[in-house]
Amino acid sequence: MEMHFSGASKPLIKFRHCGRSIYSFSVPQCCPLCQGDVGSTRIEDAPISISDPFSNGHQEKCSFLLKPTRGTFLREYDGKSDLHVGLTNTRGVVYNYNTHGIQRDEAGWEQSLSVPLVQPSMFGLLDQWDKYLEDFSASAAWLPHRYEEDHHNCSSFALTFINCILAMEGKEQLDKREFTEKYVVPRTRLASKYITLYRAIQERGFHVAEHPDPVASLS
């Protein structure tokens, strides 16, 4: 299983009018539901910005990254597409494993889901991270001919490295299920909600939340 974005997305804004939560790329002068003035003095109705769950992976140090194997999250991702994963060094180079062996990408992960793996206070690990990642990647285990789509893939590479670091830190290792539940599912779930909302606004110019608000967790 090859764990299946470029350019910044438009900012998403949430505001309230007509007793409803309305999402758009900017705050309109008139409510799209009643055409009334959107200006409001009630603080609870004030527009708020919705956080973009994606980040430029090449600006993320010592992190685990996810992105679609083909296309981008906002345009092509359907919630079931294959994802590709990688690990960054301290300079934002993304180490990842595919049919061609270990790749060290300096571009191509500009819109990814990112999970930091090292706390800023862990100076010893930060200092050695690049050496650990480079030495690990040089193992014969990650030669091109060893690649298997379902059993020895990009996910195997990332999980094995993370477990090596956990072992060095004297921490309990993760199996594939724990790895997926801890690192993958929460991010992809949040991304799917954001993508659904983004596409709805692209199509209609705005989105009105049902009750309960299905994307309340994004705000």
N, C-alpha and C. Protein backbone atom coordinates (compact mmCIF):
# COMPACT_ATOMS: atom_id res chain seq x y z
N MET A 1 0.84 -1.19 0.00
CA MET A 1 0.00 0.00 0.00
C MET A 1 0.88 1.24 0.00
N GLU A 2 0.96 1.92 -1.10
CA GLU A 2 1.67 3.20 -1.16
C GLU A 2 0.74 4.20 -0.50
N MET A 3 1.12 4.69 0.67
CA MET A 3 0.23 5.58 1.39
C MET A 3 0.04 6.85 0.56
N HIS A 4 -1.47 6.43 -0.12
CA HIS A 4 -1.80 7.50 -1.02
C HIS A 4 -2.61 8.39 -0.06
N PHE A 5 0.25 18.66 -2.69
CA PHE A 5 -0.67 19.71 -2.91
C PHE A 5 0.23 20.79 -3.30
N SER A 6 0.17 21.80 -4.27
CA SER A 6 1.09 22.82 -4.62
C SER A 6 0.33 24.11 -4.63
N GLY A 7 0.91 25.18 -4.09
CA GLY A 7 0.25 26.45 -4.05
C GLY A 7 -0.60 26.60 -2.81
N ALA A 8 -0.66 27.82 -2.28
CA ALA A 8 -1.42 28.06 -1.07
C ALA A 8 -2.91 28.10 -1.39
N SER A 9 -3.71 27.60 -0.47
CA SER A 9 -5.15 27.66 -0.65
C SER A 9 -5.66 29.03 -0.21
N LYS A 10 -6.86 29.37 -0.65
CA LYS A 10 -7.46 30.63 -0.24
C LYS A 10 -7.86 30.53 1.23
N PRO A 11 -7.82 31.64 1.97
CA PRO A 11 -8.23 31.59 3.38
C PRO A 11 -9.74 31.35 3.49
N LEU A 12 -10.14 30.61 4.49
CA LEU A 12 -11.56 30.36 4.73
C LEU A 12 -12.02 31.20 5.92
N ILE A 13 -13.20 31.80 5.78
CA ILE A 13 -13.77 32.65 6.82
C ILE A 13 -15.12 32.09 7.24
N LYS A 14 -15.38 32.11 8.54
CA LYS A 14 -16.69 31.70 9.06
C LYS A 14 -17.33 32.91 9.74
N PHE A 15 -18.59 33.18 9.40
CA PHE A 15 -19.32 34.25 10.08
C PHE A 15 -20.77 33.78 10.30
N ARG A 16 -21.49 34.47 11.18
CA ARG A 16 -22.87 34.09 11.46
C ARG A 16 -23.84 35.17 10.98
N HIS A 17 -24.95 34.70 10.39
CA HIS A 17 -26.01 35.60 9.97
C HIS A 17 -27.27 34.76 9.82
N CYS A 18 -28.40 35.34 10.03
CA CYS A 18 -29.67 34.61 9.95
C CYS A 18 -29.66 33.41 10.91
N GLY A 19 -28.89 33.51 11.98
CA GLY A 19 -28.82 32.42 12.95
C GLY A 19 -28.07 31.20 12.43
N ARG A 20 -27.35 31.36 11.32
CA ARG A 20 -26.64 30.24 10.72
C ARG A 20 -25.15 30.54 10.62
N SER A 21 -24.35 29.47 10.61
CA SER A 21 -22.92 29.61 10.35
C SER A 21 -22.69 29.55 8.85
N ILE A 22 -22.03 30.57 8.31
CA ILE A 22 -21.80 30.66 6.88
C ILE A 22 -20.28 30.73 6.63
N TYR A 23 -19.84 29.95 5.66
CA TYR A 23 -18.41 29.91 5.32
C TYR A 23 -18.20 30.49 3.93
N SER A 24 -17.10 31.23 3.75
CA SER A 24 -16.78 31.78 2.44
C SER A 24 -15.28 32.09 2.41
N PHE A 25 -14.78 32.53 1.24
CA PHE A 25 -13.37 32.89 1.14
C PHE A 25 -13.12 34.31 1.63
N SER A 26 -14.18 35.11 1.75
CA SER A 26 -14.07 36.46 2.30
C SER A 26 -15.44 36.85 2.85
N VAL A 27 -15.49 37.86 3.69
CA VAL A 27 -16.77 38.28 4.28
C VAL A 27 -17.51 39.17 3.29
N PRO A 28 -18.69 38.75 2.84
CA PRO A 28 -19.44 39.57 1.88
C PRO A 28 -20.12 40.75 2.57
N GLN A 29 -20.49 41.76 1.79
CA GLN A 29 -21.22 42.90 2.37
C GLN A 29 -22.65 42.49 2.70
N CYS A 30 -23.21 41.61 1.85
CA CYS A 30 -24.59 41.17 2.03
C CYS A 30 -24.65 39.68 2.33
N CYS A 31 -25.53 39.28 3.19
CA CYS A 31 -25.72 37.86 3.52
C CYS A 31 -26.24 37.12 2.29
N PRO A 32 -25.63 35.99 1.91
CA PRO A 32 -26.10 35.25 0.74
C PRO A 32 -27.46 34.60 0.94
N LEU A 33 -27.95 34.56 2.19
CA LEU A 33 -29.26 33.95 2.46
C LEU A 33 -30.38 34.97 2.43
N CYS A 34 -30.17 36.13 3.12
CA CYS A 34 -31.26 37.11 3.21
C CYS A 34 -30.95 38.42 2.50
N GLN A 35 -29.72 38.55 1.99
CA GLN A 35 -29.25 39.77 1.32
C GLN A 35 -29.13 40.96 2.26
N GLY A 36 -29.27 40.70 3.58
CA GLY A 36 -29.14 41.78 4.56
C GLY A 36 -27.68 42.11 4.82
N ASP A 37 -27.45 43.26 5.47
CA ASP A 37 -26.10 43.71 5.78
C ASP A 37 -25.44 42.73 6.75
N VAL A 38 -24.23 42.33 6.42
CA VAL A 38 -23.52 41.36 7.25
C VAL A 38 -22.90 42.02 8.47
N GLY A 39 -22.65 43.32 8.42
CA GLY A 39 -22.05 44.02 9.54
C GLY A 39 -22.81 43.75 10.83
N SER A 40 -22.08 43.44 11.90
CA SER A 40 -22.73 43.10 13.16
C SER A 40 -21.88 43.60 14.31
N THR A 41 -22.53 43.99 15.36
CA THR A 41 -21.79 44.44 16.55
C THR A 41 -21.68 43.32 17.57
N ARG A 42 -22.39 42.22 17.37
CA ARG A 42 -22.33 41.11 18.34
C ARG A 42 -21.03 40.36 18.17
N ILE A 43 -20.26 40.26 19.25
CA ILE A 43 -18.94 39.65 19.16
C ILE A 43 -19.02 38.18 18.75
N GLU A 44 -20.10 37.50 19.16
CA GLU A 44 -20.23 36.08 18.80
C GLU A 44 -20.50 35.87 17.32
N ASP A 45 -20.89 36.93 16.61
CA ASP A 45 -21.14 36.82 15.17
C ASP A 45 -19.96 37.31 14.34
N ALA A 46 -18.92 37.77 15.01
CA ALA A 46 -17.76 38.31 14.28
C ALA A 46 -17.09 37.23 13.44
N PRO A 47 -16.59 37.58 12.26
CA PRO A 47 -15.93 36.58 11.40
C PRO A 47 -14.68 36.01 12.07
N ILE A 48 -14.46 34.72 11.85
CA ILE A 48 -13.24 34.09 12.33
C ILE A 48 -12.58 33.33 11.17
N SER A 49 -11.28 33.21 11.25
CA SER A 49 -10.53 32.53 10.20
C SER A 49 -10.44 31.04 10.53
N ILE A 50 -10.57 30.19 9.50
CA ILE A 50 -10.48 28.75 9.67
C ILE A 50 -9.06 28.30 9.34
N SER A 51 -8.44 27.60 10.26
CA SER A 51 -7.06 27.18 10.07
C SER A 51 -6.92 26.19 8.92
N ASP A 52 -5.93 26.45 8.07
CA ASP A 52 -5.59 25.55 6.97
C ASP A 52 -4.79 24.39 7.56
N PRO A 53 -5.25 23.13 7.38
CA PRO A 53 -4.53 22.00 7.98
C PRO A 53 -3.25 21.63 7.24
N PHE A 54 -3.02 22.24 6.09
CA PHE A 54 -1.85 21.88 5.27
C PHE A 54 -0.69 22.84 5.52
N SER A 55 0.50 22.33 5.35
CA SER A 55 1.69 23.17 5.53
C SER A 55 2.73 22.81 4.48
N ASN A 56 3.70 23.70 4.30
CA ASN A 56 4.81 23.42 3.39
C ASN A 56 5.76 22.47 4.09
N GLY A 57 5.77 21.23 3.65
CA GLY A 57 6.59 20.22 4.30
C GLY A 57 8.07 20.54 4.31
N HIS A 58 8.52 21.33 3.34
CA HIS A 58 9.94 21.67 3.26
C HIS A 58 10.34 22.73 4.30
N GLN A 59 9.33 23.24 5.03
CA GLN A 59 9.61 24.17 6.13
C GLN A 59 9.39 23.49 7.49
N GLU A 60 9.12 22.20 7.46
CA GLU A 60 8.87 21.45 8.69
C GLU A 60 10.09 20.59 9.02
N LYS A 61 10.72 20.85 10.14
CA LYS A 61 11.90 20.09 10.55
C LYS A 61 11.49 18.82 11.30
N CYS A 62 12.21 17.75 11.05
CA CYS A 62 12.06 16.51 11.82
C CYS A 62 10.58 16.12 11.94
N SER A 63 9.91 16.02 10.82
CA SER A 63 8.46 15.76 10.81
C SER A 63 8.10 14.59 9.91
N PHE A 64 6.92 14.05 10.17
CA PHE A 64 6.30 13.02 9.35
C PHE A 64 5.30 13.72 8.45
N LEU A 65 5.36 13.47 7.14
CA LEU A 65 4.48 14.16 6.19
C LEU A 65 3.60 13.19 5.43
N LEU A 66 2.42 13.65 5.05
CA LEU A 66 1.53 12.91 4.17
C LEU A 66 1.08 13.81 3.03
N LYS A 67 0.95 13.22 1.84
CA LYS A 67 0.39 13.93 0.69
C LYS A 67 -0.17 12.88 -0.27
N PRO A 68 -1.07 13.27 -1.18
CA PRO A 68 -1.56 12.30 -2.16
C PRO A 68 -0.43 11.82 -3.06
N THR A 69 -0.46 10.55 -3.42
CA THR A 69 0.53 10.02 -4.34
C THR A 69 0.41 10.71 -5.70
N ARG A 70 -0.80 10.98 -6.11
CA ARG A 70 -1.04 11.68 -7.37
C ARG A 70 -1.95 12.88 -7.13
N GLY A 71 -1.62 13.99 -7.75
CA GLY A 71 -2.46 15.18 -7.64
C GLY A 71 -2.29 15.87 -6.30
N THR A 72 -3.28 16.66 -5.93
CA THR A 72 -3.23 17.44 -4.70
C THR A 72 -4.45 17.13 -3.83
N PHE A 73 -4.35 17.52 -2.58
CA PHE A 73 -5.48 17.31 -1.66
C PHE A 73 -6.71 18.08 -2.12
N LEU A 74 -6.55 19.37 -2.41
CA LEU A 74 -7.72 20.20 -2.71
C LEU A 74 -8.35 19.88 -4.05
N ARG A 75 -7.56 19.44 -5.02
CA ARG A 75 -8.14 19.20 -6.35
C ARG A 75 -8.58 17.76 -6.56
N GLU A 76 -7.70 16.80 -6.29
CA GLU A 76 -8.02 15.42 -6.66
C GLU A 76 -8.38 14.48 -5.51
N TYR A 77 -7.94 14.78 -4.32
CA TYR A 77 -8.10 13.82 -3.21
C TYR A 77 -9.58 13.57 -2.90
N ASP A 78 -9.95 12.28 -2.81
CA ASP A 78 -11.35 11.93 -2.57
C ASP A 78 -11.57 11.20 -1.25
N GLY A 79 -10.57 11.19 -0.39
CA GLY A 79 -10.71 10.50 0.89
C GLY A 79 -10.31 9.04 0.83
N LYS A 80 -10.19 8.50 -0.39
CA LYS A 80 -9.80 7.09 -0.54
C LYS A 80 -8.53 6.95 -1.36
N SER A 81 -8.09 8.02 -1.98
CA SER A 81 -6.90 7.96 -2.82
C SER A 81 -5.68 7.54 -2.01
N ASP A 82 -4.72 6.92 -2.69
CA ASP A 82 -3.49 6.50 -2.01
C ASP A 82 -2.72 7.72 -1.52
N LEU A 83 -2.07 7.56 -0.35
CA LEU A 83 -1.24 8.61 0.21
C LEU A 83 0.22 8.18 0.20
N HIS A 84 1.09 9.15 0.04
CA HIS A 84 2.52 8.90 0.11
C HIS A 84 3.03 9.61 1.36
N VAL A 85 4.00 9.00 2.05
CA VAL A 85 4.49 9.61 3.28
C VAL A 85 6.01 9.77 3.22
N GLY A 86 6.51 10.69 4.02
CA GLY A 86 7.94 10.92 4.08
C GLY A 86 8.35 11.48 5.43
N LEU A 87 9.66 11.66 5.61
CA LEU A 87 10.22 12.19 6.84
C LEU A 87 11.18 13.33 6.48
N THR A 88 11.10 14.44 7.19
CA THR A 88 11.99 15.56 6.89
C THR A 88 13.21 15.56 7.80
N ASN A 89 14.31 16.07 7.25
CA ASN A 89 15.47 16.29 8.09
C ASN A 89 15.40 17.72 8.63
N THR A 90 16.45 18.22 9.24
CA THR A 90 16.40 19.54 9.86
C THR A 90 16.40 20.67 8.84
N ARG A 91 16.64 20.36 7.57
CA ARG A 91 16.65 21.37 6.51
C ARG A 91 15.41 21.27 5.60
N GLY A 92 14.45 20.41 5.95
CA GLY A 92 13.24 20.30 5.17
C GLY A 92 13.35 19.42 3.95
N VAL A 93 14.45 18.65 3.84
CA VAL A 93 14.55 17.66 2.76
C VAL A 93 13.69 16.47 3.15
N VAL A 94 12.84 16.01 2.22
CA VAL A 94 11.90 14.93 2.54
C VAL A 94 12.45 13.59 2.06
N TYR A 95 12.77 12.73 2.99
CA TYR A 95 13.21 11.37 2.69
C TYR A 95 11.98 10.49 2.56
N ASN A 96 11.88 9.78 1.44
CA ASN A 96 10.73 8.89 1.24
C ASN A 96 11.17 7.72 0.38
N TYR A 97 10.38 6.66 0.44
CA TYR A 97 10.74 5.40 -0.22
C TYR A 97 9.69 5.03 -1.24
N ASN A 98 10.14 4.70 -2.47
CA ASN A 98 9.21 4.25 -3.50
C ASN A 98 9.90 3.20 -4.38
N THR A 99 9.33 2.92 -5.53
CA THR A 99 9.87 1.87 -6.39
C THR A 99 11.28 2.18 -6.88
N HIS A 100 11.71 3.44 -6.77
CA HIS A 100 13.06 3.83 -7.20
C HIS A 100 14.03 3.88 -6.03
N GLY A 101 13.58 3.42 -4.86
CA GLY A 101 14.42 3.45 -3.68
C GLY A 101 14.20 4.71 -2.86
N ILE A 102 15.22 5.10 -2.10
CA ILE A 102 15.11 6.28 -1.25
C ILE A 102 15.21 7.55 -2.09
N GLN A 103 14.26 8.45 -1.88
CA GLN A 103 14.25 9.74 -2.53
C GLN A 103 14.53 10.83 -1.48
N ARG A 104 15.26 11.85 -1.86
CA ARG A 104 15.53 12.99 -0.98
C ARG A 104 15.00 14.23 -1.69
N ASP A 105 13.73 14.52 -1.46
CA ASP A 105 13.04 15.57 -2.21
C ASP A 105 13.24 16.94 -1.58
N GLU A 106 13.66 17.90 -2.41
CA GLU A 106 13.78 19.28 -1.97
C GLU A 106 12.62 20.12 -2.48
N ALA A 107 11.70 19.50 -3.20
CA ALA A 107 10.49 20.16 -3.69
C ALA A 107 9.42 19.08 -3.88
N GLY A 108 8.16 19.52 -3.95
CA GLY A 108 7.07 18.59 -4.21
C GLY A 108 6.16 18.30 -3.03
N TRP A 109 6.57 18.76 -1.84
CA TRP A 109 5.77 18.52 -0.63
C TRP A 109 5.30 19.86 -0.05
N GLU A 110 5.02 20.82 -0.92
CA GLU A 110 4.69 22.16 -0.45
C GLU A 110 3.33 22.25 0.22
N GLN A 111 2.47 21.26 0.00
CA GLN A 111 1.17 21.27 0.66
C GLN A 111 0.92 19.87 1.20
N SER A 112 1.30 19.68 2.43
CA SER A 112 1.25 18.36 3.06
C SER A 112 0.57 18.45 4.42
N LEU A 113 0.22 17.28 4.93
CA LEU A 113 -0.18 17.17 6.34
C LEU A 113 1.09 16.84 7.10
N SER A 114 1.36 17.56 8.17
CA SER A 114 2.62 17.41 8.88
C SER A 114 2.41 17.05 10.34
N VAL A 115 3.25 16.14 10.83
CA VAL A 115 3.25 15.74 12.23
C VAL A 115 4.67 15.90 12.78
N PRO A 116 4.92 16.87 13.67
CA PRO A 116 6.26 17.01 14.23
C PRO A 116 6.61 15.81 15.10
N LEU A 117 7.84 15.32 14.97
CA LEU A 117 8.26 14.12 15.70
C LEU A 117 9.22 14.42 16.85
N VAL A 118 9.80 15.62 16.86
CA VAL A 118 10.79 15.97 17.87
C VAL A 118 10.41 17.29 18.54
N GLN A 119 10.43 17.31 19.86
CA GLN A 119 10.17 18.54 20.60
C GLN A 119 11.38 19.47 20.48
N PRO A 120 11.16 20.78 20.42
CA PRO A 120 12.27 21.73 20.30
C PRO A 120 13.30 21.60 21.43
N SER A 121 12.86 21.10 22.58
CA SER A 121 13.75 20.98 23.74
C SER A 121 14.67 19.76 23.66
N MET A 122 14.42 18.87 22.69
CA MET A 122 15.21 17.63 22.59
C MET A 122 16.48 17.88 21.77
N PHE A 123 17.39 18.66 22.36
CA PHE A 123 18.57 19.11 21.62
C PHE A 123 19.46 17.97 21.12
N GLY A 124 19.63 16.95 21.97
CA GLY A 124 20.49 15.84 21.59
C GLY A 124 19.98 15.13 20.35
N LEU A 125 18.67 14.87 20.30
CA LEU A 125 18.07 14.19 19.16
C LEU A 125 18.08 15.08 17.92
N LEU A 126 17.80 16.36 18.12
CA LEU A 126 17.82 17.30 17.00
C LEU A 126 19.21 17.36 16.37
N ASP A 127 20.23 17.33 17.21
CA ASP A 127 21.61 17.43 16.75
C ASP A 127 22.02 16.22 15.90
N GLN A 128 21.45 15.06 16.22
CA GLN A 128 21.83 13.82 15.54
C GLN A 128 20.82 13.38 14.48
N TRP A 129 19.69 14.07 14.38
CA TRP A 129 18.58 13.63 13.53
C TRP A 129 19.00 13.38 12.09
N ASP A 130 19.70 14.33 11.50
CA ASP A 130 20.08 14.20 10.08
C ASP A 130 20.98 12.98 9.85
N LYS A 131 21.91 12.75 10.77
CA LYS A 131 22.79 11.58 10.65
C LYS A 131 21.99 10.29 10.79
N TYR A 132 21.10 10.24 11.77
CA TYR A 132 20.26 9.05 11.97
C TYR A 132 19.45 8.75 10.70
N LEU A 133 18.83 9.79 10.14
CA LEU A 133 17.95 9.60 8.98
C LEU A 133 18.76 9.19 7.75
N GLU A 134 19.92 9.79 7.56
CA GLU A 134 20.76 9.44 6.41
C GLU A 134 21.30 8.02 6.54
N ASP A 135 21.80 7.66 7.73
CA ASP A 135 22.33 6.31 7.94
C ASP A 135 21.23 5.26 7.77
N PHE A 136 20.05 5.55 8.31
CA PHE A 136 18.92 4.62 8.20
C PHE A 136 18.54 4.42 6.74
N SER A 137 18.53 5.51 5.98
CA SER A 137 18.12 5.45 4.58
C SER A 137 19.12 4.69 3.72
N ALA A 138 20.36 4.59 4.19
CA ALA A 138 21.41 3.91 3.43
C ALA A 138 21.34 2.38 3.57
N SER A 139 20.44 1.90 4.43
CA SER A 139 20.31 0.46 4.64
C SER A 139 19.86 -0.26 3.37
N ALA A 140 20.35 -1.48 3.19
CA ALA A 140 19.96 -2.29 2.03
C ALA A 140 18.47 -2.60 2.02
N ALA A 141 17.82 -2.45 3.17
CA ALA A 141 16.38 -2.73 3.26
C ALA A 141 15.57 -1.84 2.33
N TRP A 142 16.14 -0.67 1.99
CA TRP A 142 15.38 0.30 1.21
C TRP A 142 15.88 0.43 -0.23
N LEU A 143 16.54 -0.63 -0.73
CA LEU A 143 16.92 -0.65 -2.14
C LEU A 143 15.67 -0.79 -3.01
N PRO A 144 15.72 -0.30 -4.25
CA PRO A 144 14.53 -0.33 -5.11
C PRO A 144 13.89 -1.71 -5.26
N HIS A 145 14.71 -2.76 -5.42
CA HIS A 145 14.13 -4.08 -5.69
C HIS A 145 13.43 -4.67 -4.46
N ARG A 146 13.66 -4.08 -3.29
CA ARG A 146 13.00 -4.58 -2.08
C ARG A 146 11.58 -4.02 -1.92
N TYR A 147 11.25 -3.02 -2.72
CA TYR A 147 9.95 -2.36 -2.57
C TYR A 147 8.80 -3.32 -2.91
N GLU A 148 7.79 -3.35 -2.04
CA GLU A 148 6.55 -4.09 -2.29
C GLU A 148 5.40 -3.16 -1.94
N GLU A 149 4.48 -3.01 -2.86
CA GLU A 149 3.41 -2.01 -2.69
C GLU A 149 2.61 -2.20 -1.41
N ASP A 150 2.35 -3.44 -1.03
CA ASP A 150 1.48 -3.68 0.13
C ASP A 150 2.22 -3.96 1.42
N HIS A 151 3.47 -4.41 1.35
CA HIS A 151 4.13 -4.88 2.57
C HIS A 151 5.45 -4.20 2.91
N HIS A 152 6.08 -3.56 1.94
CA HIS A 152 7.38 -2.93 2.21
C HIS A 152 7.43 -1.66 1.38
N ASN A 153 6.87 -0.58 1.96
CA ASN A 153 6.60 0.62 1.17
C ASN A 153 6.98 1.89 1.94
N CYS A 154 6.46 3.02 1.51
CA CYS A 154 6.80 4.29 2.15
C CYS A 154 6.38 4.32 3.61
N SER A 155 5.25 3.69 3.90
CA SER A 155 4.76 3.62 5.28
C SER A 155 5.70 2.77 6.14
N SER A 156 6.17 1.66 5.58
CA SER A 156 7.12 0.79 6.30
C SER A 156 8.39 1.57 6.64
N PHE A 157 8.87 2.33 5.68
CA PHE A 157 10.08 3.14 5.87
C PHE A 157 9.91 4.11 7.04
N ALA A 158 8.80 4.87 7.00
CA ALA A 158 8.57 5.88 8.05
C ALA A 158 8.36 5.23 9.41
N LEU A 159 7.54 4.18 9.45
CA LEU A 159 7.25 3.52 10.73
C LEU A 159 8.50 2.90 11.33
N THR A 160 9.31 2.24 10.51
CA THR A 160 10.53 1.60 11.02
C THR A 160 11.48 2.64 11.58
N PHE A 161 11.62 3.77 10.89
CA PHE A 161 12.52 4.82 11.40
C PHE A 161 11.99 5.40 12.72
N ILE A 162 10.69 5.69 12.76
CA ILE A 162 10.09 6.24 13.98
C ILE A 162 10.29 5.27 15.14
N ASN A 163 10.14 3.97 14.88
CA ASN A 163 10.35 2.98 15.94
C ASN A 163 11.80 2.91 16.38
N CYS A 164 12.73 3.12 15.47
CA CYS A 164 14.16 3.16 15.83
C CYS A 164 14.41 4.32 16.78
N ILE A 165 13.81 5.47 16.49
CA ILE A 165 13.98 6.64 17.36
C ILE A 165 13.33 6.40 18.71
N LEU A 166 12.13 5.82 18.71
CA LEU A 166 11.45 5.52 19.97
C LEU A 166 12.28 4.57 20.82
N ALA A 167 12.88 3.57 20.17
CA ALA A 167 13.71 2.61 20.90
C ALA A 167 14.92 3.31 21.52
N MET A 168 15.55 4.21 20.79
CA MET A 168 16.70 4.95 21.31
C MET A 168 16.31 5.82 22.50
N GLU A 169 15.06 6.30 22.47
CA GLU A 169 14.58 7.15 23.55
C GLU A 169 14.01 6.33 24.71
N GLY A 170 14.06 5.00 24.56
CA GLY A 170 13.53 4.13 25.61
C GLY A 170 12.02 4.13 25.68
N LYS A 171 11.38 4.42 24.56
CA LYS A 171 9.91 4.48 24.53
C LYS A 171 9.33 3.27 23.81
N GLU A 172 8.06 3.01 24.07
CA GLU A 172 7.39 1.85 23.47
C GLU A 172 7.21 2.05 21.97
N GLN A 173 7.41 0.99 21.21
CA GLN A 173 7.28 1.08 19.77
C GLN A 173 5.82 0.97 19.34
N LEU A 174 5.57 1.38 18.11
CA LEU A 174 4.21 1.39 17.56
C LEU A 174 4.07 0.29 16.51
N ASP A 175 2.92 -0.38 16.50
CA ASP A 175 2.66 -1.29 15.38
C ASP A 175 1.93 -0.49 14.30
N LYS A 176 1.67 -1.14 13.17
CA LYS A 176 1.11 -0.42 12.03
C LYS A 176 -0.25 0.21 12.36
N ARG A 177 -1.08 -0.49 13.11
CA ARG A 177 -2.41 0.03 13.47
C ARG A 177 -2.27 1.26 14.37
N GLU A 178 -1.42 1.17 15.38
CA GLU A 178 -1.22 2.30 16.29
C GLU A 178 -0.65 3.50 15.54
N PHE A 179 0.29 3.21 14.65
CA PHE A 179 0.91 4.24 13.82
C PHE A 179 -0.15 4.97 12.99
N THR A 180 -1.02 4.21 12.35
CA THR A 180 -2.07 4.80 11.52
C THR A 180 -3.04 5.62 12.36
N GLU A 181 -3.46 5.07 13.51
CA GLU A 181 -4.42 5.77 14.35
C GLU A 181 -3.84 7.03 14.97
N LYS A 182 -2.54 6.99 15.31
CA LYS A 182 -1.91 8.13 15.98
C LYS A 182 -1.48 9.22 15.01
N TYR A 183 -0.91 8.83 13.87
CA TYR A 183 -0.30 9.80 12.96
C TYR A 183 -1.13 10.13 11.73
N VAL A 184 -1.88 9.15 11.24
CA VAL A 184 -2.54 9.32 9.94
C VAL A 184 -4.00 9.72 10.06
N VAL A 185 -4.80 8.95 10.78
CA VAL A 185 -6.26 9.15 10.80
C VAL A 185 -6.68 10.54 11.28
N PRO A 186 -6.15 11.06 12.40
CA PRO A 186 -6.61 12.39 12.84
C PRO A 186 -6.35 13.48 11.80
N ARG A 187 -5.20 13.41 11.11
CA ARG A 187 -4.88 14.43 10.11
C ARG A 187 -5.73 14.29 8.85
N THR A 188 -5.91 13.07 8.38
CA THR A 188 -6.70 12.89 7.15
C THR A 188 -8.18 13.19 7.40
N ARG A 189 -8.65 12.92 8.61
CA ARG A 189 -10.05 13.23 8.94
C ARG A 189 -10.28 14.73 8.92
N LEU A 190 -9.35 15.47 9.53
CA LEU A 190 -9.45 16.93 9.55
C LEU A 190 -9.33 17.48 8.13
N ALA A 191 -8.40 16.93 7.36
CA ALA A 191 -8.20 17.38 5.99
C ALA A 191 -9.44 17.15 5.14
N SER A 192 -10.10 15.99 5.31
CA SER A 192 -11.29 15.68 4.53
C SER A 192 -12.41 16.68 4.80
N LYS A 193 -12.58 17.08 6.07
CA LYS A 193 -13.60 18.07 6.41
C LYS A 193 -13.27 19.41 5.73
N TYR A 194 -12.01 19.79 5.80
CA TYR A 194 -11.58 21.06 5.22
C TYR A 194 -11.76 21.04 3.69
N ILE A 195 -11.38 19.93 3.07
CA ILE A 195 -11.49 19.80 1.61
C ILE A 195 -12.95 19.89 1.16
N THR A 196 -13.83 19.20 1.88
CA THR A 196 -15.27 19.23 1.56
C THR A 196 -15.79 20.66 1.62
N LEU A 197 -15.42 21.37 2.67
CA LEU A 197 -15.84 22.76 2.85
C LEU A 197 -15.27 23.65 1.75
N TYR A 198 -13.99 23.50 1.47
CA TYR A 198 -13.31 24.32 0.47
C TYR A 198 -13.96 24.15 -0.91
N ARG A 199 -14.22 22.90 -1.28
CA ARG A 199 -14.82 22.64 -2.59
C ARG A 199 -16.24 23.16 -2.69
N ALA A 200 -16.99 23.08 -1.59
CA ALA A 200 -18.37 23.60 -1.58
C ALA A 200 -18.38 25.10 -1.81
N ILE A 201 -17.44 25.81 -1.18
CA ILE A 201 -17.35 27.27 -1.35
C ILE A 201 -16.89 27.59 -2.78
N GLN A 202 -15.94 26.81 -3.29
CA GLN A 202 -15.48 27.02 -4.68
C GLN A 202 -16.63 26.90 -5.66
N GLU A 203 -17.50 25.95 -5.39
CA GLU A 203 -18.60 25.67 -6.32
C GLU A 203 -19.73 26.70 -6.22
N ARG A 204 -20.07 27.11 -4.99
CA ARG A 204 -21.25 27.97 -4.81
C ARG A 204 -20.92 29.37 -4.32
N GLY A 205 -19.69 29.60 -3.93
CA GLY A 205 -19.32 30.91 -3.41
C GLY A 205 -19.46 31.03 -1.91
N PHE A 206 -20.21 30.11 -1.31
CA PHE A 206 -20.37 30.08 0.15
C PHE A 206 -20.90 28.71 0.56
N HIS A 207 -20.87 28.44 1.84
CA HIS A 207 -21.42 27.20 2.37
C HIS A 207 -22.14 27.50 3.67
N VAL A 208 -23.37 27.00 3.79
CA VAL A 208 -24.15 27.20 5.01
C VAL A 208 -24.13 25.90 5.81
N ALA A 209 -23.69 25.99 7.05
CA ALA A 209 -23.58 24.79 7.88
C ALA A 209 -24.95 24.30 8.29
N GLU A 210 -25.10 22.99 8.27
CA GLU A 210 -26.31 22.38 8.81
C GLU A 210 -26.17 22.37 10.33
N HIS A 211 -27.22 21.97 11.00
CA HIS A 211 -27.14 21.86 12.46
C HIS A 211 -27.25 20.39 12.85
N PRO A 212 -26.29 19.86 13.67
CA PRO A 212 -25.12 20.59 14.16
C PRO A 212 -24.12 20.83 13.02
N ASP A 213 -23.33 21.86 13.21
CA ASP A 213 -22.35 22.26 12.20
C ASP A 213 -21.34 21.14 11.98
N PRO A 214 -21.30 20.50 10.80
CA PRO A 214 -20.41 19.36 10.55
C PRO A 214 -18.94 19.72 10.53
N VAL A 215 -18.64 21.01 10.39
CA VAL A 215 -17.23 21.40 10.34
C VAL A 215 -16.88 22.31 11.50
N ALA A 216 -17.66 22.23 12.59
CA ALA A 216 -17.39 23.08 13.74
C ALA A 216 -16.01 22.83 14.31
N SER A 217 -15.54 21.60 14.16
CA SER A 217 -14.23 21.26 14.74
C SER A 217 -13.09 21.94 14.01
N LEU A 218 -13.36 22.54 12.85
CA LEU A 218 -12.31 23.23 12.12
C LEU A 218 -12.08 24.63 12.65
N SER A 219 -13.08 25.20 13.31
CA SER A 219 -12.97 26.59 13.72
C SER A 219 -12.35 26.73 15.09
